[in-house]
């Protein structure tokens, strides 16, 4: 639903895409892209009641482009999405719990708001935690972010936590952030390393703990 390019160089407007009922992302390979870019982006809305889930947890990627992007109900609550990428958005609103393999919103984003809700990119069993990366020209406000390394399911080493990078062109307000590595559960193995936390804005307000602990090792 993106706008076309005019012969005088002026693009048409994109048209909004709205979901009112539960959505299941079901494409065996590749990324599904919803593109509403144009002179004015149309936006994508998952309304209240339009939960969004994968068919296979952590495997199915989604890209959203253009206008205001709103998640009005839970994302990945029953099966986590794969990598979620958001670009060319005037406003990203996360208005319910959000779970995915990773979240990237760094290209032409004006504002991002997930206040009061948790973004979770905890790794699957025996997998590293997913990265959360948001860059805006305006403000960023988040609730909690959990990017822990996935549990050690085969008595080997713990898994590394994901990185959290929040770079606001205006004020940055964040809840609790946890990028800790997971514990090893057997053998003589090391715990997972923590992911980095990088916060930048014209001002930074912390509303919760920042935790970046290494997981515990085992001695057999």
C-alpha atoms as a PDB file:
ATOM      1  CA  UNK A   1       0.000   0.000   0.000  1.00  0.00           C
ATOM      2  CA  UNK A   2       2.894   2.347  -0.804  1.00  0.00           C
ATOM      3  CA  UNK A   3       2.576   5.448  -2.944  1.00  0.00           C
ATOM      4  CA  UNK A   4       3.995   5.560  -6.473  1.00  0.00           C
ATOM      5  CA  UNK A   5       6.649   7.985  -7.719  1.00  0.00           C
ATOM      6  CA  UNK A   6       5.320  10.801  -9.879  1.00  0.00           C
ATOM      7  CA  UNK A   7       6.989  11.967 -13.106  1.00  0.00           C
ATOM      8  CA  UNK A   8       7.671  15.345 -11.498  1.00  0.00           C
ATOM      9  CA  UNK A   9       9.496  13.617  -8.651  1.00  0.00           C
ATOM     10  CA  UNK A  10       6.638  13.843  -6.155  1.00  0.00           C
ATOM     11  CA  UNK A  11       5.566  10.531  -4.653  1.00  0.00           C
ATOM     12  CA  UNK A  12       1.976   9.634  -3.929  1.00  0.00           C
ATOM     13  CA  UNK A  13       0.775   8.930  -0.418  1.00  0.00           C
ATOM     14  CA  UNK A  14       0.820   5.477   1.149  1.00  0.00           C
ATOM     15  CA  UNK A  15      -2.396   3.969   2.482  1.00  0.00           C
ATOM     16  CA  UNK A  16      -2.819   2.532   5.951  1.00  0.00           C
ATOM     17  CA  UNK A  17      -3.110  -1.178   6.719  1.00  0.00           C
ATOM     18  CA  UNK A  18      -5.231  -2.175   9.725  1.00  0.00           C
ATOM     19  CA  UNK A  19      -5.798  -5.538  11.404  1.00  0.00           C
ATOM     20  CA  UNK A  20      -8.778  -5.955  13.733  1.00  0.00           C
ATOM     21  CA  UNK A  21      -8.591  -9.707  14.414  1.00  0.00           C
ATOM     22  CA  UNK A  22      -5.823 -12.145  15.477  1.00  0.00           C
ATOM     23  CA  UNK A  23      -2.968 -12.411  12.973  1.00  0.00           C
ATOM     24  CA  UNK A  24      -0.653 -15.404  12.455  1.00  0.00           C
ATOM     25  CA  UNK A  25       2.510 -14.889  10.438  1.00  0.00           C
ATOM     26  CA  UNK A  26       2.715 -17.990   8.221  1.00  0.00           C
ATOM     27  CA  UNK A  27       5.251 -17.898   5.373  1.00  0.00           C
ATOM     28  CA  UNK A  28       7.680 -20.838   5.326  1.00  0.00           C
ATOM     29  CA  UNK A  29      10.700 -18.882   4.021  1.00  0.00           C
ATOM     30  CA  UNK A  30      11.783 -15.265   3.825  1.00  0.00           C
ATOM     31  CA  UNK A  31      10.439 -12.105   5.393  1.00  0.00           C
ATOM     32  CA  UNK A  32       6.908 -10.751   5.166  1.00  0.00           C
ATOM     33  CA  UNK A  33       6.992  -6.998   4.487  1.00  0.00           C
ATOM     34  CA  UNK A  34       4.115  -4.552   4.972  1.00  0.00           C
ATOM     35  CA  UNK A  35       5.102  -1.347   3.137  1.00  0.00           C
ATOM     36  CA  UNK A  36       2.955   1.823   3.334  1.00  0.00           C
ATOM     37  CA  UNK A  37       5.668   4.361   2.478  1.00  0.00           C
ATOM     38  CA  UNK A  38       5.016   7.378   0.263  1.00  0.00           C
ATOM     39  CA  UNK A  39       5.020  11.167   0.437  1.00  0.00           C
ATOM     40  CA  UNK A  40       3.005  10.476   3.586  1.00  0.00           C
ATOM     41  CA  UNK A  41       3.254   6.975   5.032  1.00  0.00           C
ATOM     42  CA  UNK A  42      -0.045   5.209   5.562  1.00  0.00           C
ATOM     43  CA  UNK A  43       0.934   3.322   8.720  1.00  0.00           C
ATOM     44  CA  UNK A  44       0.212  -0.150  10.071  1.00  0.00           C
ATOM     45  CA  UNK A  45      -2.164  -0.785  12.983  1.00  0.00           C
ATOM     46  CA  UNK A  46      -2.673  -4.011  14.907  1.00  0.00           C
ATOM     47  CA  UNK A  47      -5.765  -2.970  16.847  1.00  0.00           C
ATOM     48  CA  UNK A  48      -6.848  -4.227  20.253  1.00  0.00           C
ATOM     49  CA  UNK A  49      -7.846  -7.834  19.608  1.00  0.00           C
ATOM     50  CA  UNK A  50      -5.362  -8.211  16.735  1.00  0.00           C
ATOM     51  CA  UNK A  51      -2.800 -10.346  18.516  1.00  0.00           C
ATOM     52  CA  UNK A  52       0.234 -11.189  16.363  1.00  0.00           C
ATOM     53  CA  UNK A  53       2.011 -14.548  16.547  1.00  0.00           C
ATOM     54  CA  UNK A  54       4.356 -16.727  14.527  1.00  0.00           C
ATOM     55  CA  UNK A  55       3.601 -20.239  13.312  1.00  0.00           C
ATOM     56  CA  UNK A  56       7.123 -21.397  14.252  1.00  0.00           C
ATOM     57  CA  UNK A  57       8.611 -19.562  17.219  1.00  0.00           C
ATOM     58  CA  UNK A  58      11.655 -17.351  16.575  1.00  0.00           C
ATOM     59  CA  UNK A  59      11.858 -18.280  12.849  1.00  0.00           C
ATOM     60  CA  UNK A  60       9.478 -15.952  11.037  1.00  0.00           C
ATOM     61  CA  UNK A  61      10.630 -12.404  10.329  1.00  0.00           C
ATOM     62  CA  UNK A  62       8.460  -9.322   9.781  1.00  0.00           C
ATOM     63  CA  UNK A  63       9.324  -5.901   8.297  1.00  0.00           C
ATOM     64  CA  UNK A  64       7.008  -2.888   8.644  1.00  0.00           C
ATOM     65  CA  UNK A  65       7.509   0.386   6.742  1.00  0.00           C
ATOM     66  CA  UNK A  66       5.811   3.761   6.643  1.00  0.00           C
ATOM     67  CA  UNK A  67       3.740   6.065   8.839  1.00  0.00           C
ATOM     68  CA  UNK A  68       2.691   5.301  12.390  1.00  0.00           C
ATOM     69  CA  UNK A  69       3.197   1.683  13.479  1.00  0.00           C
ATOM     70  CA  UNK A  70       0.965   0.551  16.356  1.00  0.00           C
ATOM     71  CA  UNK A  71       0.889  -2.773  18.173  1.00  0.00           C
ATOM     72  CA  UNK A  72      -2.383  -2.548  20.098  1.00  0.00           C
ATOM     73  CA  UNK A  73      -2.339  -6.119  21.393  1.00  0.00           C
ATOM     74  CA  UNK A  74       0.245  -8.731  22.331  1.00  0.00           C
ATOM     75  CA  UNK A  75       2.984  -9.756  19.920  1.00  0.00           C
ATOM     76  CA  UNK A  76       4.522 -13.227  20.113  1.00  0.00           C
ATOM     77  CA  UNK A  77       2.652 -14.161  23.252  1.00  0.00           C
ATOM     78  CA  UNK A  78       2.015 -17.766  22.177  1.00  0.00           C
ATOM     79  CA  UNK A  79       4.831 -18.095  19.586  1.00  0.00           C
ATOM     80  CA  UNK A  80       7.535 -15.457  19.311  1.00  0.00           C
ATOM     81  CA  UNK A  81       8.138 -13.719  15.995  1.00  0.00           C
ATOM     82  CA  UNK A  82      11.536 -13.877  14.309  1.00  0.00           C
ATOM     83  CA  UNK A  83      13.484 -10.681  13.616  1.00  0.00           C
ATOM     84  CA  UNK A  84      11.203  -7.623  13.535  1.00  0.00           C
ATOM     85  CA  UNK A  85      12.426  -4.599  11.557  1.00  0.00           C
ATOM     86  CA  UNK A  86      10.628  -1.225  11.474  1.00  0.00           C
ATOM     87  CA  UNK A  87      11.650   1.608   9.123  1.00  0.00           C
ATOM     88  CA  UNK A  88      10.386   4.994   7.898  1.00  0.00           C
ATOM     89  CA  UNK A  89       7.971   5.468  10.788  1.00  0.00           C
ATOM     90  CA  UNK A  90       6.695   8.723  12.251  1.00  0.00           C
ATOM     91  CA  UNK A  91       5.711   6.986  15.492  1.00  0.00           C
ATOM     92  CA  UNK A  92       6.142   3.452  16.827  1.00  0.00           C
ATOM     93  CA  UNK A  93       3.689   2.525  19.598  1.00  0.00           C
ATOM     94  CA  UNK A  94       4.057  -0.749  21.489  1.00  0.00           C
ATOM     95  CA  UNK A  95       0.893  -0.912  23.585  1.00  0.00           C
ATOM     96  CA  UNK A  96       1.095  -4.516  24.822  1.00  0.00           C
ATOM     97  CA  UNK A  97       3.707  -7.155  25.664  1.00  0.00           C
ATOM     98  CA  UNK A  98       6.055  -7.725  22.707  1.00  0.00           C
ATOM     99  CA  UNK A  99       8.130 -10.900  22.132  1.00  0.00           C
ATOM    100  CA  UNK A 100      10.403 -11.564  19.160  1.00  0.00           C
ATOM    101  CA  UNK A 101      13.829 -12.911  18.274  1.00  0.00           C
ATOM    102  CA  UNK A 102      15.093  -9.332  17.889  1.00  0.00           C
ATOM    103  CA  UNK A 103      13.786  -5.812  17.303  1.00  0.00           C
ATOM    104  CA  UNK A 104      15.399  -3.177  15.075  1.00  0.00           C
ATOM    105  CA  UNK A 105      13.950   0.301  14.514  1.00  0.00           C
ATOM    106  CA  UNK A 106      16.883   2.441  13.417  1.00  0.00           C
ATOM    107  CA  UNK A 107      16.143   3.793   9.907  1.00  0.00           C
ATOM    108  CA  UNK A 108      14.163   7.044   9.660  1.00  0.00           C
ATOM    109  CA  UNK A 109      12.208   6.649  12.912  1.00  0.00           C
ATOM    110  CA  UNK A 110      10.787   9.802  14.525  1.00  0.00           C
ATOM    111  CA  UNK A 111       9.553   8.593  17.935  1.00  0.00           C
ATOM    112  CA  UNK A 112       9.279   5.267  19.772  1.00  0.00           C
ATOM    113  CA  UNK A 113       7.024   4.541  22.770  1.00  0.00           C
ATOM    114  CA  UNK A 114       6.617   1.252  24.653  1.00  0.00           C
ATOM    115  CA  UNK A 115       6.001   2.798  28.086  1.00  0.00           C
ATOM    116  CA  UNK A 116       4.319   0.425  30.518  1.00  0.00           C
ATOM    117  CA  UNK A 117       4.938  -2.690  28.431  1.00  0.00           C
ATOM    118  CA  UNK A 118       7.782  -5.202  28.242  1.00  0.00           C
ATOM    119  CA  UNK A 119       9.813  -5.976  25.127  1.00  0.00           C
ATOM    120  CA  UNK A 120      11.275  -9.489  25.358  1.00  0.00           C
ATOM    121  CA  UNK A 121      14.003 -10.923  23.126  1.00  0.00           C
ATOM    122  CA  UNK A 122      15.166 -13.709  25.446  1.00  0.00           C
ATOM    123  CA  UNK A 123      16.916 -16.382  23.424  1.00  0.00           C
ATOM    124  CA  UNK A 124      15.353 -19.750  22.748  1.00  0.00           C
ATOM    125  CA  UNK A 125      16.911 -22.702  24.580  1.00  0.00           C
ATOM    126  CA  UNK A 126      20.626 -22.940  23.707  1.00  0.00           C
ATOM    127  CA  UNK A 127      20.482 -19.658  21.752  1.00  0.00           C
ATOM    128  CA  UNK A 128      21.847 -16.185  22.443  1.00  0.00           C
ATOM    129  CA  UNK A 129      19.550 -13.361  23.457  1.00  0.00           C
ATOM    130  CA  UNK A 130      18.222 -11.118  20.710  1.00  0.00           C
ATOM    131  CA  UNK A 131      19.297  -7.529  20.166  1.00  0.00           C
ATOM    132  CA  UNK A 132      17.022  -4.509  20.661  1.00  0.00           C
ATOM    133  CA  UNK A 133      18.159  -1.473  18.675  1.00  0.00           C
ATOM    134  CA  UNK A 134      16.174   1.771  18.372  1.00  0.00           C
ATOM    135  CA  UNK A 135      17.383   5.067  16.893  1.00  0.00           C
ATOM    136  CA  UNK A 136      15.083   8.079  16.579  1.00  0.00           C
ATOM    137  CA  UNK A 137      15.225  11.751  15.661  1.00  0.00           C
ATOM    138  CA  UNK A 138      12.812  12.440  18.538  1.00  0.00           C
ATOM    139  CA  UNK A 139      12.074  10.908  21.928  1.00  0.00           C
ATOM    140  CA  UNK A 140      12.262   7.286  23.052  1.00  0.00           C
ATOM    141  CA  UNK A 141      10.211   6.031  26.004  1.00  0.00           C
ATOM    142  CA  UNK A 142      10.339   2.343  26.912  1.00  0.00           C
ATOM    143  CA  UNK A 143       9.025   0.008  29.536  1.00  0.00           C
ATOM    144  CA  UNK A 144      11.165  -2.939  30.605  1.00  0.00           C
ATOM    145  CA  UNK A 145      13.396  -4.744  28.104  1.00  0.00           C
ATOM    146  CA  UNK A 146      14.510  -8.359  28.661  1.00  0.00           C
ATOM    147  CA  UNK A 147      17.233  -9.654  26.328  1.00  0.00           C
ATOM    148  CA  UNK A 148      18.690 -12.495  28.397  1.00  0.00           C
ATOM    149  CA  UNK A 149      20.591 -15.394  26.905  1.00  0.00           C
ATOM    150  CA  UNK A 150      18.546 -18.523  26.343  1.00  0.00           C
ATOM    151  CA  UNK A 151      18.661 -21.330  28.865  1.00  0.00           C
ATOM    152  CA  UNK A 152      21.396 -23.977  28.678  1.00  0.00           C
ATOM    153  CA  UNK A 153      19.408 -27.016  27.603  1.00  0.00           C
ATOM    154  CA  UNK A 154      22.225 -29.475  26.889  1.00  0.00           C
ATOM    155  CA  UNK A 155      24.545 -29.096  29.895  1.00  0.00           C
ATOM    156  CA  UNK A 156      27.038 -26.986  27.962  1.00  0.00           C
ATOM    157  CA  UNK A 157      27.977 -23.323  28.319  1.00  0.00           C
ATOM    158  CA  UNK A 158      25.498 -20.583  29.147  1.00  0.00           C
ATOM    159  CA  UNK A 159      24.346 -18.309  26.348  1.00  0.00           C
ATOM    160  CA  UNK A 160      25.210 -14.669  25.732  1.00  0.00           C
ATOM    161  CA  UNK A 161      22.620 -11.979  26.382  1.00  0.00           C
ATOM    162  CA  UNK A 162      21.479  -9.669  23.608  1.00  0.00           C
ATOM    163  CA  UNK A 163      22.565  -6.057  23.288  1.00  0.00           C
ATOM    164  CA  UNK A 164      20.227  -3.126  23.927  1.00  0.00           C
ATOM    165  CA  UNK A 165      21.041   0.089  22.039  1.00  0.00           C
ATOM    166  CA  UNK A 166      18.710   3.078  22.426  1.00  0.00           C
ATOM    167  CA  UNK A 167      19.773   6.293  20.682  1.00  0.00           C
ATOM    168  CA  UNK A 168      17.269   9.157  20.935  1.00  0.00           C
ATOM    169  CA  UNK A 169      17.545  12.500  19.176  1.00  0.00           C
ATOM    170  CA  UNK A 170      15.600  13.987  22.102  1.00  0.00           C
ATOM    171  CA  UNK A 171      14.898  12.726  25.642  1.00  0.00           C
ATOM    172  CA  UNK A 172      15.343   9.038  26.467  1.00  0.00           C
ATOM    173  CA  UNK A 173      13.294   7.391  29.242  1.00  0.00           C
ATOM    174  CA  UNK A 174      13.774   3.700  29.999  1.00  0.00           C
ATOM    175  CA  UNK A 175      12.454   1.076  32.391  1.00  0.00           C
ATOM    176  CA  UNK A 176      14.446  -1.878  33.679  1.00  0.00           C
ATOM    177  CA  UNK A 177      16.810  -3.511  31.178  1.00  0.00           C
ATOM    178  CA  UNK A 178      18.326  -6.988  31.561  1.00  0.00           C
ATOM    179  CA  UNK A 179      20.931  -8.334  29.116  1.00  0.00           C
ATOM    180  CA  UNK A 180      22.425 -10.999  31.382  1.00  0.00           C
ATOM    181  CA  UNK A 181      23.947 -14.218  30.124  1.00  0.00           C
ATOM    182  CA  UNK A 182      22.403 -17.518  31.156  1.00  0.00           C
ATOM    183  CA  UNK A 183      23.849 -20.024  33.592  1.00  0.00           C
ATOM    184  CA  UNK A 184      25.589 -23.246  32.622  1.00  0.00           C
ATOM    185  CA  UNK A 185      23.785 -26.224  34.112  1.00  0.00           C
ATOM    186  CA  UNK A 186      26.234 -29.112  33.815  1.00  0.00           C
ATOM    187  CA  UNK A 187      29.761 -30.277  33.104  1.00  0.00           C
ATOM    188  CA  UNK A 188      32.728 -27.949  33.412  1.00  0.00           C
ATOM    189  CA  UNK A 189      31.443 -25.012  31.436  1.00  0.00           C
ATOM    190  CA  UNK A 190      31.296 -21.238  31.552  1.00  0.00           C
ATOM    191  CA  UNK A 191      28.277 -19.045  32.016  1.00  0.00           C
ATOM    192  CA  UNK A 192      27.071 -16.827  29.210  1.00  0.00           C
ATOM    193  CA  UNK A 193      28.413 -13.302  28.886  1.00  0.00           C
ATOM    194  CA  UNK A 194      26.092 -10.327  29.262  1.00  0.00           C
ATOM    195  CA  UNK A 195      25.160  -8.140  26.310  1.00  0.00           C
ATOM    196  CA  UNK A 196      26.020  -4.460  26.271  1.00  0.00           C
ATOM    197  CA  UNK A 197      23.578  -1.687  27.204  1.00  0.00           C
ATOM    198  CA  UNK A 198      24.096   1.596  25.290  1.00  0.00           C
ATOM    199  CA  UNK A 199      21.808   4.533  26.114  1.00  0.00           C
ATOM    200  CA  UNK A 200      22.007   7.958  24.475  1.00  0.00           C
ATOM    201  CA  UNK A 201      19.710  10.998  24.369  1.00  0.00           C
ATOM    202  CA  UNK A 202      19.629  14.706  25.112  1.00  0.00           C
ATOM    203  CA  UNK A 203      18.707  13.517  28.619  1.00  0.00           C
ATOM    204  CA  UNK A 204      18.404  10.003  30.038  1.00  0.00           C
ATOM    205  CA  UNK A 205      15.839   9.081  32.705  1.00  0.00           C
ATOM    206  CA  UNK A 206      16.117   5.667  34.352  1.00  0.00           C
ATOM    207  CA  UNK A 207      12.961   4.161  35.837  1.00  0.00           C
ATOM    208  CA  UNK A 208      14.349   0.711  36.620  1.00  0.00           C
ATOM    209  CA  UNK A 209      17.469  -1.345  37.195  1.00  0.00           C
ATOM    210  CA  UNK A 210      20.071  -1.985  34.518  1.00  0.00           C
ATOM    211  CA  UNK A 211      21.363  -5.555  34.764  1.00  0.00           C
ATOM    212  CA  UNK A 212      24.164  -6.979  32.635  1.00  0.00           C
ATOM    213  CA  UNK A 213      25.471  -9.942  34.645  1.00  0.00           C
ATOM    214  CA  UNK A 214      27.441 -12.896  33.410  1.00  0.00           C
ATOM    215  CA  UNK A 215      25.857 -16.285  33.955  1.00  0.00           C
ATOM    216  CA  UNK A 216      27.328 -18.720  36.472  1.00  0.00           C
ATOM    217  CA  UNK A 217      29.619 -21.543  35.359  1.00  0.00           C
ATOM    218  CA  UNK A 218      29.743 -25.172  36.472  1.00  0.00           C
ATOM    219  CA  UNK A 219      32.662 -27.311  37.607  1.00  0.00           C
ATOM    220  CA  UNK A 220      31.347 -30.764  36.729  1.00  0.00           C
END
